[in-house]
Amino acid sequence: MKELTERQKQILDFIQRRQDFEKLTPTLREIASHFHFSSPNAALAHVQALCAKGFLKNRPGRARSLRVVNSEPGSAGVLPLSGPGAAASRRRVSFFGKRRNAGGRPALPGVVSVPIYGAIPAGQPMDATQEQEGCVLIDVDTLGIKPTARTFGLKVHGDSMIGKSIIDGDVVIIEHGVQPRSGDVVAALIDGQVTLKTFVLQQGKPYLRAENPRYPNLIPQEELQIQGVMVALVRRRR
């Protein structure tokens, strides 16, 4: 069993109170606003941690679908991540945009829209990031991936992952709910802060490795929660 951090307890209590008194689940933007995060991405990281620990359930693809299933911190077991490991893909596509087309329909067969939930630091971890930035269009046939309701994009800020050819301004495509393998690039919540790093298991102990010698390894002091594994990389043509 894993206990909740103080911030996770506060967020769980906030969601529970909104559901009890307003009969409505708060959105990620509303959670971010209440706790003075500068981006919904920080709220997303905490919500995913609460889901993984068994305190929240979410129905993918449904608005305001979060449901508190256990409001007693420490009394629920961890829901393990499931699914096959996904290696960090080096495949790229240069088609990057805000919407699918003027009519809201796919522009081409095999092109799908993946939501961008905000930005993620590829540098020093941060508690919050920039505002939500729309969506990215990807050609699933070219990339060889199958996006699901748990697939999302994050815009990269920083240069800590240049050793894996991930640079500032790229969009990483993340699959939530995938068990990471050592060497995978992951979006992670480490001690309450979000970052993009390489996941490493050494003698059974996990840590996060930067792919730039200017940055140190990140060893969790309290907890390490994997938001998702990188499955593709999108780069705007410069």
Protein backbone atom coordinates (compact mmCIF):
# COMPACT_ATOMS: atom_id res chain seq x y z
CA MET A 1 0.00 0.00 0.00
CA LYS A 2 1.15 3.52 -0.73
CA GLU A 3 0.13 6.52 1.33
CA LEU A 4 -0.89 9.79 -0.24
CA THR A 5 1.24 12.89 -0.19
CA GLU A 6 -0.19 15.94 1.56
CA ARG A 7 -1.02 17.56 -1.78
CA GLN A 8 -2.78 14.42 -3.04
CA LYS A 9 -4.89 14.34 0.16
CA GLN A 10 -5.88 17.96 -0.44
CA ILE A 11 -6.84 17.30 -4.06
CA LEU A 12 -8.82 14.17 -3.15
CA ASP A 13 -10.67 16.13 -0.46
CA PHE A 14 -11.41 18.95 -2.92
CA ILE A 15 -12.85 16.52 -5.49
CA GLN A 16 -14.91 14.75 -2.81
CA ARG A 17 -16.36 18.02 -1.49
CA ARG A 18 -17.28 19.23 -4.98
CA GLN A 19 -19.04 15.95 -5.69
CA ASP A 20 -20.84 15.95 -2.32
CA PHE A 21 -22.04 19.56 -2.33
CA GLU A 22 -22.29 20.45 -6.04
CA LYS A 23 -22.89 16.97 -7.49
CA LEU A 24 -20.23 17.78 -10.07
CA THR A 25 -16.66 16.62 -10.56
CA PRO A 26 -14.14 19.46 -11.04
CA THR A 27 -12.20 19.66 -14.29
CA LEU A 28 -8.40 19.62 -14.42
CA ARG A 29 -8.46 23.36 -15.09
CA GLU A 30 -10.66 23.94 -12.03
CA ILE A 31 -8.33 21.84 -9.85
CA ALA A 32 -5.34 23.77 -11.19
CA SER A 33 -7.06 27.08 -10.47
CA HIS A 34 -8.06 26.10 -6.93
CA PHE A 35 -4.53 25.03 -6.00
CA HIS A 36 -2.86 27.89 -7.92
CA PHE A 37 -1.09 25.64 -10.41
CA SER A 38 -0.20 27.54 -13.57
CA SER A 39 -1.28 24.64 -15.81
CA PRO A 40 -3.80 21.77 -15.90
CA ASN A 41 -0.81 19.45 -16.49
CA ALA A 42 0.21 19.68 -12.83
CA ALA A 43 -3.35 18.77 -11.80
CA LEU A 44 -3.28 15.87 -14.28
CA ALA A 45 -0.14 14.45 -12.67
CA HIS A 46 -1.76 14.38 -9.22
CA VAL A 47 -5.04 12.97 -10.53
CA GLN A 48 -3.20 10.15 -12.32
CA ALA A 49 -1.32 9.39 -9.11
CA LEU A 50 -4.61 9.18 -7.21
CA CYS A 51 -6.03 6.86 -9.88
CA ALA A 52 -2.95 4.63 -9.73
CA LYS A 53 -3.21 4.42 -5.94
CA GLY A 54 -6.85 3.38 -6.13
CA PHE A 55 -8.52 6.51 -4.74
CA LEU A 56 -10.03 7.74 -8.01
CA LYS A 57 -11.51 6.07 -11.06
CA ASN A 58 -11.83 7.68 -14.45
CA ARG A 59 -13.81 6.73 -17.55
CA PRO A 60 -11.59 7.60 -20.53
CA GLY A 61 -13.18 9.86 -23.12
CA ARG A 62 -15.92 11.11 -20.76
CA ALA A 63 -16.01 14.66 -19.39
CA ARG A 64 -16.09 15.12 -15.60
CA SER A 65 -15.95 11.35 -15.12
CA LEU A 66 -13.63 11.19 -12.10
CA ARG A 67 -15.15 9.29 -9.20
CA VAL A 68 -13.82 8.99 -5.65
CA VAL A 69 -13.72 5.29 -4.78
CA ASN A 70 -11.81 5.50 -1.52
CA SER A 71 -11.63 8.66 0.59
CA GLU A 72 -9.63 7.14 3.43
CA PRO A 73 -5.89 7.78 2.74
CA GLY A 74 -3.81 4.65 3.20
CA SER A 75 -6.72 2.18 3.12
CA ALA A 76 -6.53 1.19 -0.53
CA GLY A 77 -3.92 -0.79 -2.40
CA VAL A 78 -2.14 0.41 -5.47
CA LEU A 79 -3.75 -0.34 -8.81
CA PRO A 80 -0.86 -1.64 -10.89
CA LEU A 81 -0.14 -0.21 -14.30
CA SER A 82 -1.11 -2.64 -17.02
CA GLY A 83 -0.29 -3.37 -20.62
CA PRO A 84 2.87 -4.30 -22.47
CA GLY A 85 5.95 -2.14 -22.07
CA ALA A 86 6.36 0.49 -24.76
CA ALA A 87 9.88 1.40 -25.81
CA ALA A 88 10.61 5.08 -26.35
CA SER A 89 10.15 5.49 -30.07
CA ARG A 90 12.56 7.47 -32.16
CA ARG A 91 10.03 7.91 -34.96
CA ARG A 92 8.97 11.43 -35.83
CA VAL A 93 6.41 13.30 -37.88
CA SER A 94 6.59 16.97 -38.85
CA PHE A 95 2.83 17.61 -39.21
CA PHE A 96 1.85 19.68 -36.18
CA GLY A 97 -1.33 21.71 -35.69
CA LYS A 98 -4.11 23.02 -33.47
CA ARG A 99 -7.12 21.38 -35.12
CA ARG A 100 -8.01 18.57 -37.51
CA ASN A 101 -9.46 20.68 -40.32
CA ALA A 102 -12.00 23.44 -40.80
CA GLY A 103 -14.89 20.99 -40.58
CA GLY A 104 -13.59 19.11 -37.58
CA ARG A 105 -13.13 15.91 -39.63
CA PRO A 106 -9.91 13.98 -40.14
CA ALA A 107 -7.86 15.59 -42.89
CA LEU A 108 -6.55 12.25 -44.19
CA PRO A 109 -7.28 8.57 -43.54
CA GLY A 110 -5.15 7.37 -40.64
CA VAL A 111 -4.64 10.88 -39.23
CA VAL A 112 -5.88 11.26 -35.65
CA SER A 113 -5.96 14.12 -33.17
CA VAL A 114 -4.11 13.70 -29.86
CA PRO A 115 -4.79 16.26 -27.08
CA ILE A 116 -1.89 18.29 -25.70
CA TYR A 117 -2.38 18.67 -21.95
CA GLY A 118 0.34 21.28 -21.51
CA ALA A 119 4.11 21.39 -21.25
CA ILE A 120 6.66 19.27 -19.40
CA PRO A 121 10.14 20.28 -18.28
CA ALA A 122 13.08 18.47 -19.85
CA GLY A 123 15.36 20.13 -17.36
CA GLN A 124 14.83 20.72 -13.66
CA PRO A 125 11.47 19.35 -12.43
CA MET A 126 8.70 21.92 -11.95
CA ASP A 127 5.43 21.90 -10.04
CA ALA A 128 3.51 23.53 -12.89
CA THR A 129 3.78 24.32 -16.56
CA GLN A 130 2.19 26.45 -19.28
CA GLU A 131 -1.36 26.56 -20.50
CA GLN A 132 -3.08 23.86 -22.54
CA GLU A 133 -2.16 24.11 -26.21
CA GLY A 134 -4.82 22.30 -28.24
CA CYS A 135 -3.98 19.12 -30.12
CA VAL A 136 -1.45 17.52 -32.44
CA LEU A 137 -2.33 15.61 -35.59
CA ILE A 138 -0.45 12.37 -36.15
CA ASP A 139 -0.36 9.82 -38.95
CA VAL A 140 -0.75 6.51 -37.14
CA ASP A 141 0.35 4.50 -40.18
CA THR A 142 3.63 6.42 -40.45
CA LEU A 143 4.37 6.26 -36.73
CA GLY A 144 3.15 2.72 -36.26
CA ILE A 145 1.26 3.47 -33.04
CA LYS A 146 -2.38 3.06 -32.05
CA PRO A 147 -3.53 6.02 -29.92
CA THR A 148 -6.14 5.25 -27.25
CA ALA A 149 -8.22 7.35 -24.85
CA ARG A 150 -5.12 7.34 -22.62
CA THR A 151 -2.81 8.86 -25.24
CA PHE A 152 -1.86 12.51 -24.86
CA GLY A 153 0.84 14.96 -25.90
CA LEU A 154 3.14 17.19 -23.86
CA LYS A 155 5.27 20.00 -25.24
CA VAL A 156 8.93 19.77 -24.21
CA HIS A 157 10.66 22.68 -22.49
CA GLY A 158 14.40 22.38 -21.85
CA ASP A 159 17.45 20.46 -23.02
CA SER A 160 17.99 17.66 -20.51
CA MET A 161 16.99 14.97 -23.05
CA ILE A 162 19.10 16.04 -26.05
CA GLY A 163 21.09 12.80 -25.81
CA LYS A 164 17.95 11.04 -27.08
CA SER A 165 17.32 13.73 -29.70
CA ILE A 166 14.46 15.29 -27.74
CA ILE A 167 14.77 19.06 -27.96
CA ASP A 168 12.98 22.16 -26.74
CA GLY A 169 9.69 22.64 -28.59
CA ASP A 170 9.14 18.97 -29.48
CA VAL A 171 5.87 17.28 -28.56
CA VAL A 172 6.22 13.89 -26.88
CA ILE A 173 3.33 11.47 -27.34
CA ILE A 174 2.66 9.72 -24.04
CA GLU A 175 0.67 6.57 -23.34
CA HIS A 176 -0.70 6.47 -19.79
CA GLY A 177 -1.18 3.12 -18.05
CA VAL A 178 1.83 1.38 -19.58
CA GLN A 179 4.33 -0.38 -17.33
CA PRO A 180 7.70 1.33 -17.96
CA ARG A 181 10.82 -0.67 -18.70
CA SER A 182 14.33 0.43 -17.84
CA GLY A 183 15.49 2.74 -20.61
CA ASP A 184 12.02 4.05 -21.53
CA VAL A 185 11.49 7.80 -21.69
CA VAL A 186 8.71 8.68 -19.27
CA ALA A 187 6.63 11.59 -18.06
CA ALA A 188 6.93 11.32 -14.30
CA LEU A 189 5.75 12.87 -11.06
CA ILE A 190 8.70 12.76 -8.67
CA ASP A 191 8.19 14.09 -5.15
CA GLY A 192 5.31 16.24 -6.37
CA GLN A 193 7.02 17.68 -9.44
CA VAL A 194 6.67 16.76 -13.12
CA THR A 195 9.51 16.06 -15.53
CA LEU A 196 10.50 14.13 -18.68
CA LYS A 197 13.41 11.74 -18.16
CA THR A 198 14.70 8.23 -18.87
CA PHE A 199 13.37 5.64 -16.41
CA VAL A 200 16.13 3.44 -14.97
CA LEU A 201 15.98 0.43 -12.69
CA GLN A 202 19.25 -0.32 -10.93
CA GLN A 203 19.35 -3.25 -8.53
CA GLY A 204 15.58 -3.04 -8.28
CA LYS A 205 15.55 0.65 -7.35
CA PRO A 206 14.09 3.21 -9.80
CA TYR A 207 15.46 6.64 -10.62
CA LEU A 208 15.23 9.15 -13.45
CA ARG A 209 18.21 9.85 -15.72
CA ALA A 210 18.76 12.96 -17.79
CA GLU A 211 20.32 12.54 -21.23
CA ASN A 212 22.51 15.62 -20.82
CA PRO A 213 25.58 15.58 -18.53
CA ARG A 214 24.67 19.05 -17.27
CA TYR A 215 21.76 17.59 -15.30
CA PRO A 216 21.89 15.21 -12.31
CA ASN A 217 20.05 11.94 -11.85
CA LEU A 218 16.78 12.29 -9.95
CA ILE A 219 16.34 9.87 -7.07
CA PRO A 220 12.89 9.92 -5.43
CA GLN A 221 12.86 10.89 -1.77
CA GLU A 222 9.14 10.23 -1.20
CA GLU A 223 7.55 8.82 -4.35
CA LEU A 224 7.94 8.29 -8.06
CA GLN A 225 4.73 8.08 -10.10
CA ILE A 226 4.96 7.37 -13.82
CA GLN A 227 2.38 9.40 -15.77
CA GLY A 228 3.10 7.53 -18.97
CA VAL A 229 5.66 6.16 -21.40
CA MET A 230 6.75 8.03 -24.52
CA VAL A 231 5.66 6.19 -27.65
CA ALA A 232 6.43 8.81 -30.33
CA LEU A 233 7.94 12.23 -30.91
CA VAL A 234 6.48 15.05 -32.99
CA ARG A 235 8.69 17.89 -34.24
CA ARG A 236 7.60 21.07 -35.93
CA ARG A 237 9.47 21.73 -39.16
CA ARG A 238 11.81 24.63 -38.39
